[in-house]
C-alpha cells in the first residue's frame, strides 16, 4: 500500500465506528473536512496512521490524533508499545498494541529516507514468532506512513538486529512488504501481488474497520481488474473478514486514464440493497483496493458503463478521491 501524499488531496475519511462506514465523497464537503484538519493541526494535533493488531493477528491501520511535538515519529512509536493505558484504550475496538511491554525507545535518527531506531532489550520479549513478525511489520508500516521515511533499520542496545529470538531474519533495511499475506509458503513464481481491502469487526460486532490483505494472483495484463475480481471472491476462511460485494457481480472493464481509474461493473452491483452501511462498504472497499495501486488518485464507479444510483441511494456520479487516512479512530 503506497504512502499517502500528505497535504495535496482533500481529507476524506473512512468511518471507524459502530454506525458503519461512510462513503468517500468527491464534493464540496471535502473542503470543510480539509479546513477541520488544518484547525486540528493548529491545535497541535497531527493525524497519524498506526498499525495495531486485531483478534485474528491481522494488522489494522488506525488514524489517531497525536500531539504535534518535535520528534513526532518517536511519539508515534510510543503509541505502539504495550502499555496499560493504550491497551485499555484499544480494548473495546478489538485491537492491541504490537511492541512488547516495557520496551524503551533509546534513540532514533532519520537520514536520506532511512529511520534508524534503537530499542532496549525488552523489544525482544515476543511471545511467539507470529508476534515477532507482526511487531516488525507494524513498526515498518507505521513509520513509512511519514513522507520522510522509506526504510527502517532496527537496533537493540545500539547493535543492528539481524535475527529475532524466534528466528525471524531481518534485512539491514526493512521496507513495506506483504501486509497480512494470505498464502504463506505459496509458490511465488509467475504470480503478482494485489492489496485487497476487506471489512473486519471486533468480536462483539460493535466496531468495524477495513483491513488490507496481500493476495498472490496469476500473472495478468490487467492487474487492477484481477484485483477487483479477487475482491468479489472475498477473503480466505477463518480470517475474521467479510466480503461485501455481491458474489454475482462481474467486472466488465477497468481502465486507467492518467491518475483516474474507471471501474465498470455489471448490474448486480446496482441492485444489491442490504442496507446503506453495506452499500457504502462496497464502494469503500473498491476505492481502497484501486487506490492502493501506485499513481491512482481517484476512482469512478460505473454500472453497465453508466453513472448510477445504488439501491440504497448512494449516488455514483463523480470520481471518488483517494483517502489520505484509513479507519479514523473516531468521527
C-alpha atoms as a PDB file:
ATOM      1  CA  UNK A   1       0.000   0.000   0.000  1.00  0.00           C
ATOM      2  CA  UNK A   2       1.719   3.157  -1.167  1.00  0.00           C
ATOM      3  CA  UNK A   3       2.255   6.081   1.158  1.00  0.00           C
ATOM      4  CA  UNK A   4      -0.197   8.955   1.229  1.00  0.00           C
ATOM      5  CA  UNK A   5       0.717  12.293  -0.307  1.00  0.00           C
ATOM      6  CA  UNK A   6       0.136  14.488   2.668  1.00  0.00           C
ATOM      7  CA  UNK A   7      -1.464  17.865   2.160  1.00  0.00           C
ATOM      8  CA  UNK A   8      -2.274  17.760  -1.544  1.00  0.00           C
ATOM      9  CA  UNK A   9      -5.617  15.995  -1.537  1.00  0.00           C
ATOM     10  CA  UNK A  10      -8.829  16.533   0.371  1.00  0.00           C
ATOM     11  CA  UNK A  11      -9.007  14.669   3.639  1.00  0.00           C
ATOM     12  CA  UNK A  12     -11.661  12.040   3.051  1.00  0.00           C
ATOM     13  CA  UNK A  13     -12.197   9.639   5.913  1.00  0.00           C
ATOM     14  CA  UNK A  14     -13.471   6.103   6.146  1.00  0.00           C
ATOM     15  CA  UNK A  15     -15.506   5.658   9.305  1.00  0.00           C
ATOM     16  CA  UNK A  16     -14.244   3.539  12.204  1.00  0.00           C
ATOM     17  CA  UNK A  17     -17.423   3.462  14.311  1.00  0.00           C
ATOM     18  CA  UNK A  18     -20.376   1.380  15.365  1.00  0.00           C
ATOM     19  CA  UNK A  19     -22.637   3.174  12.861  1.00  0.00           C
ATOM     20  CA  UNK A  20     -20.809   1.840   9.837  1.00  0.00           C
ATOM     21  CA  UNK A  21     -18.642   3.204   7.070  1.00  0.00           C
ATOM     22  CA  UNK A  22     -19.400   6.473   5.286  1.00  0.00           C
ATOM     23  CA  UNK A  23     -18.859   6.680   1.586  1.00  0.00           C
ATOM     24  CA  UNK A  24     -15.926   8.704   0.310  1.00  0.00           C
ATOM     25  CA  UNK A  25     -17.331  11.859  -1.278  1.00  0.00           C
ATOM     26  CA  UNK A  26     -15.715  13.937  -4.022  1.00  0.00           C
ATOM     27  CA  UNK A  27     -17.793  17.009  -3.200  1.00  0.00           C
ATOM     28  CA  UNK A  28     -17.640  20.462  -1.689  1.00  0.00           C
ATOM     29  CA  UNK A  29     -17.902  18.766   1.695  1.00  0.00           C
ATOM     30  CA  UNK A  30     -14.263  17.782   1.322  1.00  0.00           C
ATOM     31  CA  UNK A  31     -13.245  21.430   1.606  1.00  0.00           C
ATOM     32  CA  UNK A  32     -14.880  21.606   5.014  1.00  0.00           C
ATOM     33  CA  UNK A  33     -13.088  18.432   6.104  1.00  0.00           C
ATOM     34  CA  UNK A  34      -9.780  19.867   4.912  1.00  0.00           C
ATOM     35  CA  UNK A  35     -10.442  23.029   6.939  1.00  0.00           C
ATOM     36  CA  UNK A  36     -11.113  20.908  10.019  1.00  0.00           C
ATOM     37  CA  UNK A  37      -7.799  19.118   9.520  1.00  0.00           C
ATOM     38  CA  UNK A  38      -5.962  22.444   9.331  1.00  0.00           C
ATOM     39  CA  UNK A  39      -7.642  23.549  12.555  1.00  0.00           C
ATOM     40  CA  UNK A  40      -6.558  20.324  14.255  1.00  0.00           C
ATOM     41  CA  UNK A  41      -3.000  20.926  13.096  1.00  0.00           C
ATOM     42  CA  UNK A  42      -3.130  24.427  14.529  1.00  0.00           C
ATOM     43  CA  UNK A  43      -4.341  22.890  17.788  1.00  0.00           C
ATOM     44  CA  UNK A  44      -1.053  20.916  17.917  1.00  0.00           C
ATOM     45  CA  UNK A  45      -2.545  17.625  16.767  1.00  0.00           C
ATOM     46  CA  UNK A  46      -1.382  15.591  13.790  1.00  0.00           C
ATOM     47  CA  UNK A  47      -3.379  12.855  12.100  1.00  0.00           C
ATOM     48  CA  UNK A  48      -1.077   9.848  12.227  1.00  0.00           C
ATOM     49  CA  UNK A  49      -1.613   6.284  10.998  1.00  0.00           C
ATOM     50  CA  UNK A  50      -0.599   3.471  13.357  1.00  0.00           C
ATOM     51  CA  UNK A  51      -0.797  -0.247  12.664  1.00  0.00           C
ATOM     52  CA  UNK A  52      -2.292  -2.258  15.521  1.00  0.00           C
ATOM     53  CA  UNK A  53      -3.084  -5.981  15.607  1.00  0.00           C
ATOM     54  CA  UNK A  54      -6.614  -7.372  15.856  1.00  0.00           C
ATOM     55  CA  UNK A  55      -8.011 -10.538  17.421  1.00  0.00           C
ATOM     56  CA  UNK A  56      -7.080 -12.578  14.338  1.00  0.00           C
ATOM     57  CA  UNK A  57      -3.457 -11.388  14.256  1.00  0.00           C
ATOM     58  CA  UNK A  58      -4.089  -9.069  11.316  1.00  0.00           C
ATOM     59  CA  UNK A  59      -2.569  -5.610  11.121  1.00  0.00           C
ATOM     60  CA  UNK A  60      -5.142  -2.823  11.016  1.00  0.00           C
ATOM     61  CA  UNK A  61      -4.290   0.803  10.128  1.00  0.00           C
ATOM     62  CA  UNK A  62      -5.869   3.279  12.551  1.00  0.00           C
ATOM     63  CA  UNK A  63      -5.704   7.058  12.274  1.00  0.00           C
ATOM     64  CA  UNK A  64      -5.103   8.799  15.596  1.00  0.00           C
ATOM     65  CA  UNK A  65      -4.616  12.430  16.516  1.00  0.00           C
ATOM     66  CA  UNK A  66      -1.121  12.587  18.011  1.00  0.00           C
ATOM     67  CA  UNK A  67       0.137  15.722  19.831  1.00  0.00           C
ATOM     68  CA  UNK A  68       2.413  17.542  17.409  1.00  0.00           C
ATOM     69  CA  UNK A  69       5.779  17.574  19.153  1.00  0.00           C
ATOM     70  CA  UNK A  70       9.339  17.706  17.954  1.00  0.00           C
ATOM     71  CA  UNK A  71      10.189  14.151  17.022  1.00  0.00           C
ATOM     72  CA  UNK A  72       6.622  13.161  16.090  1.00  0.00           C
ATOM     73  CA  UNK A  73       7.867   9.798  14.752  1.00  0.00           C
ATOM     74  CA  UNK A  74       9.245   8.946  18.208  1.00  0.00           C
ATOM     75  CA  UNK A  75       5.927   9.864  19.800  1.00  0.00           C
ATOM     76  CA  UNK A  76       4.180   7.627  17.289  1.00  0.00           C
ATOM     77  CA  UNK A  77       6.343   4.630  18.206  1.00  0.00           C
ATOM     78  CA  UNK A  78       5.461   5.163  21.861  1.00  0.00           C
ATOM     79  CA  UNK A  79       1.818   4.585  20.890  1.00  0.00           C
ATOM     80  CA  UNK A  80       2.707   1.109  19.569  1.00  0.00           C
ATOM     81  CA  UNK A  81       4.242  -0.098  22.847  1.00  0.00           C
ATOM     82  CA  UNK A  82       2.116  -2.334  25.078  1.00  0.00           C
ATOM     83  CA  UNK A  83       1.138  -0.091  27.989  1.00  0.00           C
ATOM     84  CA  UNK A  84      -1.885  -0.316  30.259  1.00  0.00           C
ATOM     85  CA  UNK A  85      -3.442   2.925  29.031  1.00  0.00           C
ATOM     86  CA  UNK A  86      -3.019   2.053  25.345  1.00  0.00           C
ATOM     87  CA  UNK A  87      -4.256  -1.499  25.890  1.00  0.00           C
ATOM     88  CA  UNK A  88      -7.348  -0.193  27.676  1.00  0.00           C
ATOM     89  CA  UNK A  89      -7.975   2.430  25.012  1.00  0.00           C
ATOM     90  CA  UNK A  90      -7.937  -0.171  22.217  1.00  0.00           C
ATOM     91  CA  UNK A  91      -9.739  -2.986  24.031  1.00  0.00           C
ATOM     92  CA  UNK A  92     -13.300  -2.136  23.006  1.00  0.00           C
ATOM     93  CA  UNK A  93     -12.200  -1.985  19.368  1.00  0.00           C
ATOM     94  CA  UNK A  94     -10.719  -5.468  19.491  1.00  0.00           C
ATOM     95  CA  UNK A  95      -7.221  -4.129  18.791  1.00  0.00           C
ATOM     96  CA  UNK A  96      -3.919  -4.415  20.637  1.00  0.00           C
ATOM     97  CA  UNK A  97      -0.515  -2.640  20.611  1.00  0.00           C
ATOM     98  CA  UNK A  98       2.219  -4.591  18.854  1.00  0.00           C
ATOM     99  CA  UNK A  99       5.518  -3.837  20.620  1.00  0.00           C
ATOM    100  CA  UNK A 100       6.354  -5.758  23.821  1.00  0.00           C
ATOM    101  CA  UNK A 101       5.610  -4.304  27.235  1.00  0.00           C
ATOM    102  CA  UNK A 102       8.410  -2.266  28.890  1.00  0.00           C
ATOM    103  CA  UNK A 103      10.111  -1.629  25.541  1.00  0.00           C
ATOM    104  CA  UNK A 104      12.037   1.642  25.642  1.00  0.00           C
ATOM    105  CA  UNK A 105      12.966   3.760  22.659  1.00  0.00           C
ATOM    106  CA  UNK A 106      16.646   4.588  23.202  1.00  0.00           C
ATOM    107  CA  UNK A 107      17.174   6.692  20.100  1.00  0.00           C
ATOM    108  CA  UNK A 108      16.066   7.432  16.573  1.00  0.00           C
ATOM    109  CA  UNK A 109      17.519   9.233  13.564  1.00  0.00           C
ATOM    110  CA  UNK A 110      16.127   9.867  10.086  1.00  0.00           C
ATOM    111  CA  UNK A 111      18.572  10.413   7.220  1.00  0.00           C
ATOM    112  CA  UNK A 112      18.061  10.079   3.477  1.00  0.00           C
ATOM    113  CA  UNK A 113      14.711   8.374   3.915  1.00  0.00           C
ATOM    114  CA  UNK A 114      16.007   5.779   6.401  1.00  0.00           C
ATOM    115  CA  UNK A 115      14.813   5.708  10.015  1.00  0.00           C
ATOM    116  CA  UNK A 116      17.334   4.102  12.350  1.00  0.00           C
ATOM    117  CA  UNK A 117      15.530   3.022  15.527  1.00  0.00           C
ATOM    118  CA  UNK A 118      17.291   1.797  18.676  1.00  0.00           C
ATOM    119  CA  UNK A 119      15.283  -0.146  21.284  1.00  0.00           C
ATOM    120  CA  UNK A 120      16.057  -1.552  24.712  1.00  0.00           C
ATOM    121  CA  UNK A 121      16.433  -5.318  25.035  1.00  0.00           C
ATOM    122  CA  UNK A 122      12.778  -5.599  26.136  1.00  0.00           C
ATOM    123  CA  UNK A 123      11.893  -5.183  22.455  1.00  0.00           C
ATOM    124  CA  UNK A 124      12.888  -8.838  22.021  1.00  0.00           C
ATOM    125  CA  UNK A 125      10.332 -10.146  24.546  1.00  0.00           C
ATOM    126  CA  UNK A 126       7.929 -11.551  21.973  1.00  0.00           C
ATOM    127  CA  UNK A 127       5.581 -14.357  22.973  1.00  0.00           C
ATOM    128  CA  UNK A 128       5.987 -16.275  19.689  1.00  0.00           C
ATOM    129  CA  UNK A 129       7.143 -15.990  16.089  1.00  0.00           C
ATOM    130  CA  UNK A 130       3.811 -14.593  14.905  1.00  0.00           C
ATOM    131  CA  UNK A 131       4.004 -11.743  17.408  1.00  0.00           C
ATOM    132  CA  UNK A 132       7.611 -11.167  16.386  1.00  0.00           C
ATOM    133  CA  UNK A 133       6.781 -10.771  12.702  1.00  0.00           C
ATOM    134  CA  UNK A 134       3.645  -8.749  13.397  1.00  0.00           C
ATOM    135  CA  UNK A 135       5.523  -6.275  15.579  1.00  0.00           C
ATOM    136  CA  UNK A 136       8.210  -5.656  12.967  1.00  0.00           C
ATOM    137  CA  UNK A 137       5.676  -5.185  10.170  1.00  0.00           C
ATOM    138  CA  UNK A 138       3.633  -2.881  12.402  1.00  0.00           C
ATOM    139  CA  UNK A 139       6.679  -0.737  13.105  1.00  0.00           C
ATOM    140  CA  UNK A 140       7.763  -0.577   9.456  1.00  0.00           C
ATOM    141  CA  UNK A 141       4.305   0.262   8.127  1.00  0.00           C
ATOM    142  CA  UNK A 142       3.689   2.864  10.823  1.00  0.00           C
ATOM    143  CA  UNK A 143       6.981   4.671  10.285  1.00  0.00           C
ATOM    144  CA  UNK A 144       6.742   4.607   6.498  1.00  0.00           C
ATOM    145  CA  UNK A 145       3.442   6.465   6.727  1.00  0.00           C
ATOM    146  CA  UNK A 146       5.670   9.520   7.251  1.00  0.00           C
ATOM    147  CA  UNK A 147       6.671  11.067   3.910  1.00  0.00           C
ATOM    148  CA  UNK A 148      10.304  11.401   5.036  1.00  0.00           C
ATOM    149  CA  UNK A 149      10.711   7.661   5.761  1.00  0.00           C
ATOM    150  CA  UNK A 150      11.015   4.900   3.162  1.00  0.00           C
ATOM    151  CA  UNK A 151      13.046   2.282   5.056  1.00  0.00           C
ATOM    152  CA  UNK A 152      13.698   1.249   8.653  1.00  0.00           C
ATOM    153  CA  UNK A 153      16.850  -0.059  10.372  1.00  0.00           C
ATOM    154  CA  UNK A 154      16.394  -1.817  13.723  1.00  0.00           C
ATOM    155  CA  UNK A 155      18.922  -1.821  16.559  1.00  0.00           C
ATOM    156  CA  UNK A 156      18.777  -3.250  20.070  1.00  0.00           C
ATOM    157  CA  UNK A 157      21.018  -1.631  22.657  1.00  0.00           C
ATOM    158  CA  UNK A 158      22.957   0.028  19.834  1.00  0.00           C
ATOM    159  CA  UNK A 159      23.598  -3.168  17.832  1.00  0.00           C
ATOM    160  CA  UNK A 160      21.936  -3.957  14.482  1.00  0.00           C
ATOM    161  CA  UNK A 161      19.172  -6.553  14.867  1.00  0.00           C
ATOM    162  CA  UNK A 162      19.792  -9.322  12.346  1.00  0.00           C
ATOM    163  CA  UNK A 163      17.786 -12.175  13.851  1.00  0.00           C
ATOM    164  CA  UNK A 164      14.917 -12.191  16.350  1.00  0.00           C
ATOM    165  CA  UNK A 165      14.593 -14.705  19.222  1.00  0.00           C
ATOM    166  CA  UNK A 166      12.072 -16.896  17.364  1.00  0.00           C
ATOM    167  CA  UNK A 167      14.181 -16.998  14.219  1.00  0.00           C
ATOM    168  CA  UNK A 168      12.851 -14.137  12.104  1.00  0.00           C
ATOM    169  CA  UNK A 169      15.696 -12.992   9.856  1.00  0.00           C
ATOM    170  CA  UNK A 170      15.913  -9.252   9.147  1.00  0.00           C
ATOM    171  CA  UNK A 171      17.411  -7.391   6.241  1.00  0.00           C
ATOM    172  CA  UNK A 172      19.672  -4.463   7.174  1.00  0.00           C
ATOM    173  CA  UNK A 173      16.976  -2.108   5.872  1.00  0.00           C
ATOM    174  CA  UNK A 174      13.295  -3.012   6.096  1.00  0.00           C
ATOM    175  CA  UNK A 175      10.584  -1.876   3.684  1.00  0.00           C
ATOM    176  CA  UNK A 176       6.846  -2.408   3.301  1.00  0.00           C
ATOM    177  CA  UNK A 177       6.183  -5.958   2.200  1.00  0.00           C
ATOM    178  CA  UNK A 178       3.204  -8.334   2.149  1.00  0.00           C
ATOM    179  CA  UNK A 179       0.928  -6.914   4.825  1.00  0.00           C
ATOM    180  CA  UNK A 180      -1.455  -9.639   6.086  1.00  0.00           C
ATOM    181  CA  UNK A 181      -0.213 -12.099   3.456  1.00  0.00           C
ATOM    182  CA  UNK A 182      -2.863 -14.781   2.913  1.00  0.00           C
ATOM    183  CA  UNK A 183      -0.896 -17.681   1.436  1.00  0.00           C
ATOM    184  CA  UNK A 184       2.293 -18.184   3.382  1.00  0.00           C
ATOM    185  CA  UNK A 185       4.533 -20.716   1.689  1.00  0.00           C
ATOM    186  CA  UNK A 186       2.724 -20.432  -1.656  1.00  0.00           C
ATOM    187  CA  UNK A 187       4.802 -20.769  -4.820  1.00  0.00           C
ATOM    188  CA  UNK A 188       5.769 -17.222  -5.766  1.00  0.00           C
ATOM    189  CA  UNK A 189       6.760 -17.999  -9.360  1.00  0.00           C
ATOM    190  CA  UNK A 190       4.625 -16.439 -12.108  1.00  0.00           C
ATOM    191  CA  UNK A 191       2.475 -14.509  -9.670  1.00  0.00           C
ATOM    192  CA  UNK A 192       1.756 -10.877  -8.877  1.00  0.00           C
ATOM    193  CA  UNK A 193       0.638  -9.220  -5.652  1.00  0.00           C
ATOM    194  CA  UNK A 194      -2.522  -7.252  -5.025  1.00  0.00           C
ATOM    195  CA  UNK A 195      -3.683  -5.477  -1.876  1.00  0.00           C
ATOM    196  CA  UNK A 196      -7.369  -6.053  -1.177  1.00  0.00           C
ATOM    197  CA  UNK A 197      -9.418  -4.237   1.455  1.00  0.00           C
ATOM    198  CA  UNK A 198     -11.976  -6.318   3.316  1.00  0.00           C
ATOM    199  CA  UNK A 199     -14.243  -5.333   6.166  1.00  0.00           C
ATOM    200  CA  UNK A 200     -13.435  -6.511   9.684  1.00  0.00           C
ATOM    201  CA  UNK A 201     -15.091  -6.078  13.072  1.00  0.00           C
ATOM    202  CA  UNK A 202     -14.340  -6.748  16.692  1.00  0.00           C
ATOM    203  CA  UNK A 203     -15.820  -9.961  18.130  1.00  0.00           C
ATOM    204  CA  UNK A 204     -18.807  -8.118  19.568  1.00  0.00           C
ATOM    205  CA  UNK A 205     -19.566  -6.581  16.192  1.00  0.00           C
ATOM    206  CA  UNK A 206     -19.688  -3.068  17.630  1.00  0.00           C
ATOM    207  CA  UNK A 207     -16.749  -1.592  15.722  1.00  0.00           C
ATOM    208  CA  UNK A 208     -15.865  -2.059  12.073  1.00  0.00           C
ATOM    209  CA  UNK A 209     -12.830  -1.166  10.014  1.00  0.00           C
ATOM    210  CA  UNK A 210     -11.020  -2.013   6.780  1.00  0.00           C
ATOM    211  CA  UNK A 211      -8.131  -4.464   6.657  1.00  0.00           C
ATOM    212  CA  UNK A 212      -5.508  -4.575   3.855  1.00  0.00           C
ATOM    213  CA  UNK A 213      -4.741  -8.121   2.718  1.00  0.00           C
ATOM    214  CA  UNK A 214      -1.963  -9.198   0.359  1.00  0.00           C
ATOM    215  CA  UNK A 215      -3.048 -11.873  -2.125  1.00  0.00           C
ATOM    216  CA  UNK A 216      -0.906 -13.604  -4.745  1.00  0.00           C
ATOM    217  CA  UNK A 217      -2.563 -13.922  -8.156  1.00  0.00           C
ATOM    218  CA  UNK A 218      -1.512 -15.339 -11.506  1.00  0.00           C
ATOM    219  CA  UNK A 219       0.273 -13.002 -13.885  1.00  0.00           C
ATOM    220  CA  UNK A 220      -2.204 -10.870 -15.792  1.00  0.00           C
ATOM    221  CA  UNK A 221      -2.216  -7.977 -18.240  1.00  0.00           C
ATOM    222  CA  UNK A 222      -4.871  -6.116 -16.216  1.00  0.00           C
ATOM    223  CA  UNK A 223      -3.897  -6.410 -12.578  1.00  0.00           C
ATOM    224  CA  UNK A 224      -6.493  -3.868 -11.418  1.00  0.00           C
ATOM    225  CA  UNK A 225      -9.327  -5.859 -12.967  1.00  0.00           C
ATOM    226  CA  UNK A 226      -7.946  -9.022 -11.395  1.00  0.00           C
ATOM    227  CA  UNK A 227      -7.782  -7.276  -8.009  1.00  0.00           C
ATOM    228  CA  UNK A 228     -11.475  -6.373  -8.215  1.00  0.00           C
ATOM    229  CA  UNK A 229     -12.379  -9.929  -9.234  1.00  0.00           C
ATOM    230  CA  UNK A 230     -10.463 -11.219  -6.217  1.00  0.00           C
ATOM    231  CA  UNK A 231     -12.211  -8.646  -4.015  1.00  0.00           C
ATOM    232  CA  UNK A 232     -15.555 -10.068  -5.140  1.00  0.00           C
ATOM    233  CA  UNK A 233     -14.388 -13.599  -4.289  1.00  0.00           C
ATOM    234  CA  UNK A 234     -13.881 -12.392  -0.732  1.00  0.00           C
ATOM    235  CA  UNK A 235     -11.336 -13.199   1.986  1.00  0.00           C
ATOM    236  CA  UNK A 236      -9.949 -16.603   2.817  1.00  0.00           C
ATOM    237  CA  UNK A 237     -11.808 -18.547   5.543  1.00  0.00           C
ATOM    238  CA  UNK A 238     -11.019 -18.043   9.235  1.00  0.00           C
ATOM    239  CA  UNK A 239      -9.572 -14.555   8.824  1.00  0.00           C
ATOM    240  CA  UNK A 240     -12.487 -12.844  10.544  1.00  0.00           C
ATOM    241  CA  UNK A 241     -13.108 -10.679   7.476  1.00  0.00           C
ATOM    242  CA  UNK A 242     -16.210 -10.103   5.376  1.00  0.00           C
ATOM    243  CA  UNK A 243     -16.837  -9.928   1.635  1.00  0.00           C
ATOM    244  CA  UNK A 244     -19.144  -7.011   0.866  1.00  0.00           C
ATOM    245  CA  UNK A 245     -19.573  -7.077  -2.932  1.00  0.00           C
ATOM    246  CA  UNK A 246     -22.349  -9.378  -4.229  1.00  0.00           C
ATOM    247  CA  UNK A 247     -20.825 -12.628  -5.491  1.00  0.00           C
ATOM    248  CA  UNK A 248     -22.794 -12.433  -8.756  1.00  0.00           C
ATOM    249  CA  UNK A 249     -21.212  -9.100  -9.689  1.00  0.00           C
ATOM    250  CA  UNK A 250     -18.967  -9.142 -12.755  1.00  0.00           C
ATOM    251  CA  UNK A 251     -16.119  -6.738 -13.510  1.00  0.00           C
ATOM    252  CA  UNK A 252     -16.819  -5.612 -17.066  1.00  0.00           C
ATOM    253  CA  UNK A 253     -13.803  -3.365 -17.544  1.00  0.00           C
ATOM    254  CA  UNK A 254     -11.147  -1.403 -15.672  1.00  0.00           C
ATOM    255  CA  UNK A 255      -9.417   1.461 -17.458  1.00  0.00           C
ATOM    256  CA  UNK A 256      -6.761   3.836 -16.093  1.00  0.00           C
ATOM    257  CA  UNK A 257      -6.615   7.359 -17.518  1.00  0.00           C
ATOM    258  CA  UNK A 258      -3.824   9.445 -16.033  1.00  0.00           C
ATOM    259  CA  UNK A 259      -4.446   9.308 -12.247  1.00  0.00           C
ATOM    260  CA  UNK A 260      -8.058   8.094 -12.502  1.00  0.00           C
ATOM    261  CA  UNK A 261      -9.386   4.548 -12.733  1.00  0.00           C
ATOM    262  CA  UNK A 262     -12.817   3.879 -14.248  1.00  0.00           C
ATOM    263  CA  UNK A 263     -14.227   0.606 -12.932  1.00  0.00           C
ATOM    264  CA  UNK A 264     -17.287  -0.754 -14.740  1.00  0.00           C
ATOM    265  CA  UNK A 265     -19.451  -3.427 -13.090  1.00  0.00           C
ATOM    266  CA  UNK A 266     -22.488  -5.493 -14.031  1.00  0.00           C
ATOM    267  CA  UNK A 267     -25.994  -4.587 -12.827  1.00  0.00           C
ATOM    268  CA  UNK A 268     -25.748  -6.896  -9.801  1.00  0.00           C
ATOM    269  CA  UNK A 269     -23.751  -4.178  -8.039  1.00  0.00           C
ATOM    270  CA  UNK A 270     -26.573  -1.694  -8.526  1.00  0.00           C
ATOM    271  CA  UNK A 271     -29.376  -3.906  -7.247  1.00  0.00           C
ATOM    272  CA  UNK A 272     -27.751  -5.362  -4.160  1.00  0.00           C
ATOM    273  CA  UNK A 273     -29.514  -3.436  -1.381  1.00  0.00           C
ATOM    274  CA  UNK A 274     -28.654  -4.850   2.045  1.00  0.00           C
ATOM    275  CA  UNK A 275     -28.737  -1.519   3.857  1.00  0.00           C
ATOM    276  CA  UNK A 276     -26.872   1.755   3.495  1.00  0.00           C
ATOM    277  CA  UNK A 277     -23.932   0.632   5.637  1.00  0.00           C
ATOM    278  CA  UNK A 278     -23.255  -2.397   3.444  1.00  0.00           C
ATOM    279  CA  UNK A 279     -23.689  -0.345   0.290  1.00  0.00           C
ATOM    280  CA  UNK A 280     -21.160   2.206   1.467  1.00  0.00           C
ATOM    281  CA  UNK A 281     -18.767  -0.588   2.454  1.00  0.00           C
ATOM    282  CA  UNK A 282     -18.950  -1.900  -1.118  1.00  0.00           C
ATOM    283  CA  UNK A 283     -17.906   1.468  -2.529  1.00  0.00           C
ATOM    284  CA  UNK A 284     -15.182   1.996   0.067  1.00  0.00           C
ATOM    285  CA  UNK A 285     -13.612  -1.428  -0.468  1.00  0.00           C
ATOM    286  CA  UNK A 286     -13.479  -0.812  -4.231  1.00  0.00           C
ATOM    287  CA  UNK A 287     -11.923   2.637  -3.830  1.00  0.00           C
ATOM    288  CA  UNK A 288      -9.349   1.496  -1.260  1.00  0.00           C
ATOM    289  CA  UNK A 289      -8.320  -1.507  -3.345  1.00  0.00           C
ATOM    290  CA  UNK A 290      -7.853   0.514  -6.530  1.00  0.00           C
ATOM    291  CA  UNK A 291      -6.088   3.466  -4.898  1.00  0.00           C
ATOM    292  CA  UNK A 292      -3.598   1.020  -3.369  1.00  0.00           C
ATOM    293  CA  UNK A 293      -2.079   0.925  -6.859  1.00  0.00           C
ATOM    294  CA  UNK A 294       0.651   3.471  -7.417  1.00  0.00           C
ATOM    295  CA  UNK A 295      -0.420   6.525  -9.365  1.00  0.00           C
ATOM    296  CA  UNK A 296      -4.154   6.125  -8.733  1.00  0.00           C
ATOM    297  CA  UNK A 297      -5.651   9.187  -7.031  1.00  0.00           C
ATOM    298  CA  UNK A 298      -9.344   8.829  -7.833  1.00  0.00           C
ATOM    299  CA  UNK A 299     -11.881   6.201  -8.861  1.00  0.00           C
ATOM    300  CA  UNK A 300     -15.039   6.389 -10.944  1.00  0.00           C
ATOM    301  CA  UNK A 301     -17.503   3.530 -10.406  1.00  0.00           C
ATOM    302  CA  UNK A 302     -19.932   2.695 -13.217  1.00  0.00           C
ATOM    303  CA  UNK A 303     -22.652   0.107 -13.751  1.00  0.00           C
ATOM    304  CA  UNK A 304     -23.058  -1.168 -17.326  1.00  0.00           C
ATOM    305  CA  UNK A 305     -20.984   1.802 -18.491  1.00  0.00           C
ATOM    306  CA  UNK A 306     -23.166   4.458 -16.895  1.00  0.00           C
ATOM    307  CA  UNK A 307     -23.255   6.713 -13.861  1.00  0.00           C
ATOM    308  CA  UNK A 308     -25.649   5.255 -11.347  1.00  0.00           C
ATOM    309  CA  UNK A 309     -27.539   5.481  -8.078  1.00  0.00           C
ATOM    310  CA  UNK A 310     -27.304   2.323  -5.966  1.00  0.00           C
ATOM    311  CA  UNK A 311     -30.455   0.824  -4.484  1.00  0.00           C
ATOM    312  CA  UNK A 312     -29.981   2.377  -1.034  1.00  0.00           C
ATOM    313  CA  UNK A 313     -29.462   5.844  -2.514  1.00  0.00           C
ATOM    314  CA  UNK A 314     -25.687   6.072  -2.932  1.00  0.00           C
ATOM    315  CA  UNK A 315     -25.047   8.393  -5.879  1.00  0.00           C
ATOM    316  CA  UNK A 316     -22.070   7.491  -8.071  1.00  0.00           C
ATOM    317  CA  UNK A 317     -21.926  10.404 -10.500  1.00  0.00           C
ATOM    318  CA  UNK A 318     -18.461  11.848  -9.787  1.00  0.00           C
ATOM    319  CA  UNK A 319     -14.950  10.471  -9.197  1.00  0.00           C
ATOM    320  CA  UNK A 320     -14.091   9.484  -5.621  1.00  0.00           C
ATOM    321  CA  UNK A 321     -10.756  10.735  -4.314  1.00  0.00           C
ATOM    322  CA  UNK A 322      -8.146   8.546  -2.684  1.00  0.00           C
ATOM    323  CA  UNK A 323      -8.463   8.922   1.094  1.00  0.00           C
ATOM    324  CA  UNK A 324      -5.480  10.251   2.980  1.00  0.00           C
ATOM    325  CA  UNK A 325      -6.391   8.370   6.132  1.00  0.00           C
ATOM    326  CA  UNK A 326      -7.969   4.965   6.686  1.00  0.00           C
ATOM    327  CA  UNK A 327     -10.026   3.967   9.729  1.00  0.00           C
ATOM    328  CA  UNK A 328     -10.222   7.167  11.775  1.00  0.00           C
ATOM    329  CA  UNK A 329     -10.342   6.327  15.458  1.00  0.00           C
ATOM    330  CA  UNK A 330     -13.432   8.488  15.879  1.00  0.00           C
ATOM    331  CA  UNK A 331     -15.589  10.940  13.967  1.00  0.00           C
END
